[in-house]
Amino acid sequence: MPEIIESSQELPRLTALGILGFHLIPGAIFSALVILLSRVFIEHGLTAYLAELLLIPACLLPMLVGTMVLSARRVGLGLSVRRAIGYRARGTIADYIGWPILLFLCWALASLAVVPLSSHLEAWYLTWFPPQLGNHAMVSGVVSSPPVQRHAMLALAIFFSGLLAPLVEEAYFRGFLLPRMKHLGWLAPVLSALLFGVYHFFTPWGLPVIFVAFLPIAFVVQAKQNFRIGVVVHAMFNLVGVVTVFSSAP
């Protein structure tokens, strides 16, 4: 059995309204800023992708970490991100190698079914959604960027999207929120994956892909009580995404 770090009394249950608010409000704020800032960047000869990258440390990091810290303080745990995270049991080397590989392979198989669905949804959404946020527009913006700007974006993408975002988001969604939903049993991981997909308001067509990718992750994290497993798999997903974006560049 995983080691229990804190007592359940230190992690108060989330109400239905709390579950929705904690999951979706950060996504709504981040997405609104991505939509606004991407337009400004494009007008100044930059890319929407760069706007999204820079908002990770400028908006997403302080928003999610700040929420965890304030929530910990509210229940008497002090200003501590670590103590706000309920699912932080120690893992083994096998946990950080075996589970990520298995979860990644599961996603690779599931993607054969859900990626075409997301592509159809994207085509519909882009009839009225900001077009600069579409996958084709994002990749085209990167490919057409000057080499110096493109190389700088690659470095930022690896660090911010490939490493920082997975760490912060998994700490928040699977480490901080998921244990506060454990009274829902098997429904907690389902809601975690579903609402994490909805949280990406700036790419709504990605909901099927994100849900299928993170559903097994949420179940494993809950079973092992270890959010770090999610961090590893999430980083793998995001780094593959970075490679996909930049592989088209000359």
Protein backbone atom coordinates (compact mmCIF):
# COMPACT_ATOMS: atom_id res chain seq x y z
CA MET A 1 0.00 0.00 0.00
CA PRO A 2 1.21 3.55 -0.70
CA GLU A 3 2.42 5.52 2.26
CA ILE A 4 -0.26 7.91 3.56
CA ILE A 5 1.36 11.29 4.00
CA GLU A 6 -1.33 13.36 5.68
CA SER A 7 -4.61 12.56 7.39
CA SER A 8 -7.83 12.98 5.45
CA GLN A 9 -8.92 15.73 7.85
CA GLU A 10 -6.23 17.99 6.40
CA LEU A 11 -7.72 17.63 2.90
CA PRO A 12 -11.35 18.78 3.13
CA ARG A 13 -13.72 17.43 0.53
CA LEU A 14 -14.64 19.57 -2.43
CA THR A 15 -18.30 20.30 -3.00
CA ALA A 16 -19.77 19.96 -6.50
CA LEU A 17 -19.42 23.71 -6.99
CA GLY A 18 -15.86 23.60 -5.67
CA ILE A 19 -14.93 20.80 -8.06
CA LEU A 20 -16.17 22.83 -11.03
CA GLY A 21 -14.66 26.09 -9.83
CA PHE A 22 -11.20 24.80 -8.95
CA HIS A 23 -10.97 22.94 -12.27
CA LEU A 24 -12.47 25.43 -14.70
CA ILE A 25 -11.83 28.98 -13.44
CA PRO A 26 -8.03 28.76 -13.97
CA GLY A 27 -8.63 27.41 -17.48
CA ALA A 28 -11.08 30.20 -18.31
CA ILE A 29 -8.61 32.87 -17.17
CA PHE A 30 -5.63 31.32 -18.94
CA SER A 31 -7.61 30.73 -22.16
CA ALA A 32 -8.95 34.29 -22.25
CA LEU A 33 -5.40 35.62 -21.94
CA VAL A 34 -4.15 33.24 -24.64
CA ILE A 35 -6.84 34.46 -27.04
CA LEU A 36 -6.14 38.14 -26.33
CA LEU A 37 -2.35 37.97 -26.23
CA SER A 38 -2.08 35.77 -29.32
CA ARG A 39 -3.79 38.47 -31.39
CA VAL A 40 -1.38 41.11 -30.09
CA PHE A 41 1.64 38.91 -30.81
CA ILE A 42 0.51 38.18 -34.37
CA GLU A 43 -0.04 41.89 -35.01
CA HIS A 44 3.59 42.48 -34.00
CA GLY A 45 5.05 39.74 -36.18
CA LEU A 46 5.28 37.07 -33.48
CA THR A 47 3.34 33.81 -33.13
CA ALA A 48 0.31 32.68 -31.14
CA TYR A 49 2.38 29.72 -29.98
CA LEU A 50 4.89 32.07 -28.31
CA ALA A 51 2.05 33.85 -26.51
CA GLU A 52 0.81 30.55 -25.14
CA LEU A 53 4.30 29.55 -24.00
CA LEU A 54 5.00 32.80 -22.17
CA LEU A 55 1.68 32.68 -20.33
CA ILE A 56 2.71 29.42 -18.66
CA PRO A 57 5.20 31.09 -16.27
CA ALA A 58 3.45 34.47 -16.34
CA CYS A 59 -0.09 33.27 -15.59
CA LEU A 60 -0.54 29.52 -15.16
CA LEU A 61 2.28 28.95 -12.65
CA PRO A 62 1.37 31.75 -10.18
CA MET A 63 -2.36 31.02 -10.51
CA LEU A 64 -2.19 27.28 -9.77
CA VAL A 65 0.60 27.46 -7.20
CA GLY A 66 -1.06 30.43 -5.51
CA THR A 67 -4.34 28.52 -5.23
CA MET A 68 -2.60 25.57 -3.63
CA VAL A 69 -0.68 27.73 -1.17
CA LEU A 70 -3.73 29.74 -0.10
CA SER A 71 -5.80 26.57 0.25
CA ALA A 72 -3.13 25.00 2.46
CA ARG A 73 -3.01 28.08 4.64
CA ARG A 74 -6.79 28.11 4.95
CA VAL A 75 -6.83 24.65 6.54
CA GLY A 76 -3.87 25.35 8.83
CA LEU A 77 -1.08 23.77 6.78
CA GLY A 78 0.90 26.98 6.38
CA LEU A 79 2.13 28.52 3.13
CA SER A 80 3.24 25.18 1.72
CA VAL A 81 2.71 23.76 -1.75
CA ARG A 82 4.07 20.41 -0.59
CA ARG A 83 1.56 20.04 2.24
CA ALA A 84 -1.30 21.09 -0.05
CA ILE A 85 -0.60 18.06 -2.26
CA GLY A 86 -2.35 14.99 -0.89
CA TYR A 87 -1.17 12.38 -3.37
CA ARG A 88 2.58 12.52 -2.81
CA ALA A 89 3.41 9.04 -1.58
CA ARG A 90 6.90 7.80 -2.34
CA GLY A 91 7.29 5.79 -5.52
CA THR A 92 9.74 3.20 -6.80
CA ILE A 93 11.87 3.28 -9.92
CA ALA A 94 9.32 0.94 -11.49
CA ASP A 95 6.56 3.47 -10.76
CA TYR A 96 8.43 6.17 -12.68
CA ILE A 97 9.43 3.96 -15.61
CA GLY A 98 6.95 1.11 -15.93
CA TRP A 99 3.71 3.02 -15.41
CA PRO A 100 4.64 5.94 -17.69
CA ILE A 101 5.63 3.57 -20.51
CA LEU A 102 2.43 1.56 -20.12
CA LEU A 103 0.24 4.66 -19.95
CA PHE A 104 1.96 6.18 -22.97
CA LEU A 105 1.44 3.01 -24.99
CA CYS A 106 -2.23 2.94 -23.98
CA TRP A 107 -2.56 6.49 -25.21
CA ALA A 108 -0.82 5.65 -28.50
CA LEU A 109 -3.43 2.96 -29.17
CA ALA A 110 -6.40 5.06 -28.03
CA SER A 111 -5.26 8.01 -30.15
CA LEU A 112 -5.99 6.02 -33.29
CA ALA A 113 -9.68 6.37 -32.45
CA VAL A 114 -9.91 9.83 -30.85
CA VAL A 115 -7.50 11.94 -32.93
CA PRO A 116 -9.76 11.80 -36.04
CA LEU A 117 -12.69 12.85 -33.84
CA SER A 118 -10.73 15.83 -32.52
CA SER A 119 -9.79 16.80 -36.08
CA HIS A 120 -13.46 16.88 -37.08
CA LEU A 121 -14.30 18.94 -34.00
CA GLU A 122 -11.49 21.38 -34.77
CA ALA A 123 -12.81 21.95 -38.30
CA TRP A 124 -16.22 22.81 -36.83
CA TYR A 125 -14.92 24.99 -33.98
CA LEU A 126 -12.70 27.03 -36.32
CA THR A 127 -15.79 28.21 -38.22
CA TRP A 128 -16.34 30.60 -35.32
CA PHE A 129 -13.44 30.13 -32.85
CA PRO A 130 -10.30 32.35 -33.06
CA PRO A 131 -8.48 30.82 -36.05
CA GLN A 132 -4.98 31.66 -34.80
CA LEU A 133 -5.36 28.95 -32.14
CA GLY A 134 -5.97 26.11 -34.61
CA ASN A 135 -3.29 23.46 -34.90
CA HIS A 136 -2.51 24.31 -38.53
CA ALA A 137 -2.22 28.03 -37.77
CA MET A 138 0.04 27.34 -34.78
CA VAL A 139 2.40 25.13 -36.78
CA SER A 140 2.39 27.52 -39.75
CA GLY A 141 3.32 30.39 -37.46
CA VAL A 142 6.27 28.46 -36.05
CA VAL A 143 7.46 27.26 -39.48
CA SER A 144 7.33 30.77 -40.97
CA SER A 145 9.21 32.35 -38.05
CA PRO A 146 12.80 33.55 -38.52
CA PRO A 147 15.35 30.89 -37.48
CA VAL A 148 16.52 32.79 -34.38
CA GLN A 149 12.97 33.25 -33.13
CA ARG A 150 12.14 29.62 -33.91
CA HIS A 151 15.15 28.29 -32.02
CA ALA A 152 14.29 30.47 -29.03
CA MET A 153 10.71 29.18 -29.11
CA LEU A 154 11.96 25.59 -29.20
CA ALA A 155 14.02 26.13 -26.04
CA LEU A 156 11.06 27.81 -24.32
CA ALA A 157 8.69 25.06 -25.47
CA ILE A 158 10.89 22.29 -24.08
CA PHE A 159 11.18 23.98 -20.69
CA PHE A 160 7.78 25.64 -20.26
CA SER A 161 5.47 23.23 -22.13
CA GLY A 162 7.50 20.05 -21.82
CA LEU A 163 8.61 20.32 -18.19
CA LEU A 164 7.11 23.21 -16.20
CA ALA A 165 3.47 22.89 -17.29
CA PRO A 166 3.27 19.13 -16.60
CA LEU A 167 4.80 19.59 -13.15
CA VAL A 168 2.48 22.42 -12.12
CA GLU A 169 -0.68 20.99 -13.69
CA GLU A 170 -0.20 17.49 -12.27
CA ALA A 171 0.59 18.89 -8.83
CA TYR A 172 -2.62 20.92 -9.01
CA PHE A 173 -5.09 18.61 -10.76
CA ARG A 174 -3.93 15.17 -9.63
CA GLY A 175 -1.93 15.99 -6.51
CA PHE A 176 -4.08 18.75 -5.00
CA LEU A 177 -7.63 18.36 -6.36
CA LEU A 178 -7.97 14.60 -6.94
CA PRO A 179 -7.48 13.56 -3.28
CA ARG A 180 -10.11 16.10 -2.25
CA MET A 181 -12.53 14.24 -4.54
CA LYS A 182 -11.74 10.73 -3.33
CA HIS A 183 -15.10 10.49 -1.55
CA LEU A 184 -16.57 10.09 -5.06
CA GLY A 185 -14.73 6.80 -5.55
CA TRP A 186 -14.21 5.74 -9.18
CA LEU A 187 -16.01 8.86 -10.35
CA ALA A 188 -13.18 11.09 -9.07
CA PRO A 189 -10.63 10.05 -11.75
CA VAL A 190 -13.33 10.28 -14.44
CA LEU A 191 -14.23 13.82 -13.41
CA SER A 192 -10.55 14.73 -13.09
CA ALA A 193 -9.81 13.71 -16.68
CA LEU A 194 -13.03 15.20 -18.07
CA LEU A 195 -12.71 18.57 -16.37
CA PHE A 196 -9.01 18.73 -17.21
CA GLY A 197 -10.03 18.42 -20.85
CA VAL A 198 -12.66 21.16 -20.49
CA TYR A 199 -10.09 23.33 -18.67
CA HIS A 200 -8.31 23.68 -22.03
CA PHE A 201 -10.91 26.19 -23.26
CA PHE A 202 -8.46 27.60 -25.80
CA THR A 203 -8.39 24.25 -27.65
CA PRO A 204 -11.91 22.86 -27.07
CA TRP A 205 -11.54 20.32 -29.87
CA GLY A 206 -8.88 18.58 -27.80
CA LEU A 207 -11.37 17.38 -25.17
CA PRO A 208 -11.70 13.79 -26.52
CA VAL A 209 -7.92 13.43 -26.83
CA ILE A 210 -7.19 14.86 -23.38
CA PHE A 211 -9.93 12.86 -21.68
CA VAL A 212 -8.77 9.53 -23.12
CA ALA A 213 -5.11 10.34 -22.39
CA PHE A 214 -5.57 11.41 -18.78
CA LEU A 215 -8.33 9.04 -17.65
CA PRO A 216 -5.96 6.11 -16.97
CA ILE A 217 -3.40 8.52 -15.51
CA ALA A 218 -5.94 9.75 -12.96
CA PHE A 219 -6.84 6.18 -11.97
CA VAL A 220 -3.18 5.22 -11.53
CA VAL A 221 -2.38 8.36 -9.54
CA GLN A 222 -5.34 7.72 -7.26
CA ALA A 223 -4.40 4.07 -6.77
CA LYS A 224 -0.72 4.81 -6.11
CA GLN A 225 -1.42 8.14 -4.33
CA ASN A 226 1.53 9.58 -6.24
CA PHE A 227 1.07 12.60 -8.52
CA ARG A 228 4.65 12.33 -9.78
CA ILE A 229 3.69 9.42 -12.03
CA GLY A 230 1.32 11.79 -13.77
CA VAL A 231 4.09 14.36 -14.12
CA VAL A 232 6.30 11.90 -16.01
CA VAL A 233 3.57 10.80 -18.45
CA HIS A 234 2.28 14.34 -18.92
CA ALA A 235 5.78 15.52 -19.76
CA MET A 236 6.10 12.72 -22.31
CA PHE A 237 2.84 13.80 -23.96
CA ASN A 238 3.84 17.46 -24.08
CA LEU A 239 7.35 16.81 -25.35
CA VAL A 240 5.94 14.71 -28.17
CA GLY A 241 3.67 17.67 -28.95
CA VAL A 242 6.65 20.02 -29.03
CA VAL A 243 8.51 17.71 -31.40
CA THR A 244 5.43 17.52 -33.62
CA VAL A 245 5.15 21.30 -33.84
CA PHE A 246 8.81 21.89 -34.63
CA SER A 247 9.45 18.87 -36.84
CA SER A 248 7.80 20.67 -39.76
CA ALA A 249 10.22 23.59 -39.51
CA PRO A 250 13.14 23.70 -41.97
